[in-house]
Amino acid sequence: MDWRDQLDPVLKEHFNDLLKKVQTQKKAYITAKNISQAQLWSALAVLMKKVSDLELQVKSLEKQKKIRPPVNLKKNMRKF
């Protein structure tokens, strides 16, 4: 049995979506000495781009609504 079959169904759906997005970078990671490691780094880059895009959306909404997030929230977001 494949370990992926043991994933929670909701998590498995997100996992499969991530794999599809990482697959678009196959030309890059297939040339690496350690393909699986390069694929993991590609997945991390995809996730970081998503986080960055979401942060930009939040900032845009804050400007539109002139909402200031709590100081603690700003500090926590900087950690990531």
Protein backbone atom coordinates (compact mmCIF):
# COMPACT_ATOMS: atom_id res chain seq x y z
CA MET A 1 0.00 0.00 0.00
CA ASP A 2 1.24 3.46 -0.94
CA TRP A 3 1.74 5.93 1.92
CA ARG A 4 -0.36 8.47 0.03
CA ASP A 5 -3.38 6.21 0.40
CA GLN A 6 -3.13 6.78 4.16
CA LEU A 7 -3.46 10.56 3.88
CA ASP A 8 -6.57 12.28 5.19
CA PRO A 9 -8.90 12.78 2.17
CA VAL A 10 -8.89 16.58 2.51
CA LEU A 11 -5.12 16.66 2.82
CA LYS A 12 -4.79 14.24 -0.07
CA GLU A 13 -6.75 16.61 -2.30
CA HIS A 14 -4.37 19.47 -1.46
CA PHE A 15 -1.39 17.16 -1.91
CA ASN A 16 -2.54 16.19 -5.39
CA ASP A 17 -3.12 19.85 -6.32
CA LEU A 18 0.40 20.66 -5.18
CA LEU A 19 1.83 17.80 -7.23
CA LYS A 20 0.07 19.14 -10.33
CA LYS A 21 1.54 22.60 -9.77
CA VAL A 22 5.04 21.22 -9.16
CA GLN A 23 4.78 19.08 -12.28
CA THR A 24 4.89 22.28 -14.35
CA GLN A 25 8.50 22.71 -13.18
CA LYS A 26 9.60 19.23 -14.22
CA LYS A 27 12.06 20.53 -16.82
CA ALA A 28 13.94 22.23 -14.00
CA TYR A 29 14.02 19.55 -11.31
CA ILE A 30 14.54 16.61 -13.68
CA THR A 31 18.05 17.93 -14.41
CA ALA A 32 19.10 17.85 -10.74
CA LYS A 33 21.46 15.23 -9.32
CA ASN A 34 18.86 14.47 -6.65
CA ILE A 35 15.53 14.75 -8.46
CA SER A 36 13.33 14.03 -5.45
CA GLN A 37 15.07 16.69 -3.38
CA ALA A 38 14.76 19.21 -6.21
CA GLN A 39 11.09 18.33 -6.54
CA LEU A 40 10.59 19.03 -2.84
CA TRP A 41 12.31 22.41 -3.16
CA SER A 42 10.10 23.17 -6.15
CA ALA A 43 7.04 22.33 -4.05
CA LEU A 44 8.30 24.66 -1.34
CA ALA A 45 8.76 27.44 -3.89
CA VAL A 46 5.20 26.92 -5.16
CA LEU A 47 3.87 27.16 -1.59
CA MET A 48 5.95 30.25 -0.83
CA LYS A 49 4.62 31.95 -3.95
CA LYS A 50 1.09 31.20 -2.80
CA VAL A 51 1.84 32.68 0.65
CA SER A 52 3.35 35.77 -0.96
CA ASP A 53 0.33 36.21 -3.23
CA LEU A 54 -2.00 35.91 -0.24
CA GLU A 55 0.01 38.47 1.73
CA LEU A 56 -0.29 40.91 -1.17
CA GLN A 57 -4.04 40.35 -1.28
CA VAL A 58 -4.35 40.95 2.46
CA LYS A 59 -2.33 44.18 2.19
CA SER A 60 -4.53 45.33 -0.67
CA LEU A 61 -7.68 44.62 1.33
CA GLU A 62 -6.23 46.39 4.36
CA LYS A 63 -5.57 49.48 2.25
CA GLN A 64 -9.06 49.38 0.76
CA LYS A 65 -10.73 49.00 4.14
CA LYS A 66 -8.08 50.92 6.06
CA ILE A 67 -7.87 48.05 8.52
CA ARG A 68 -4.81 47.62 10.66
CA PRO A 69 -4.08 44.04 11.74
CA PRO A 70 -3.13 43.55 15.38
CA VAL A 71 0.57 43.95 16.13
CA ASN A 72 0.84 40.30 17.17
CA LEU A 73 -0.51 39.18 13.81
CA LYS A 74 2.08 41.27 11.96
CA LYS A 75 4.90 39.78 14.06
CA ASN A 76 3.64 36.23 13.46
CA MET A 77 3.39 36.76 9.71
CA ARG A 78 6.98 38.05 9.56
CA LYS A 79 8.20 34.73 10.98
CA PHE A 80 7.03 33.00 7.80
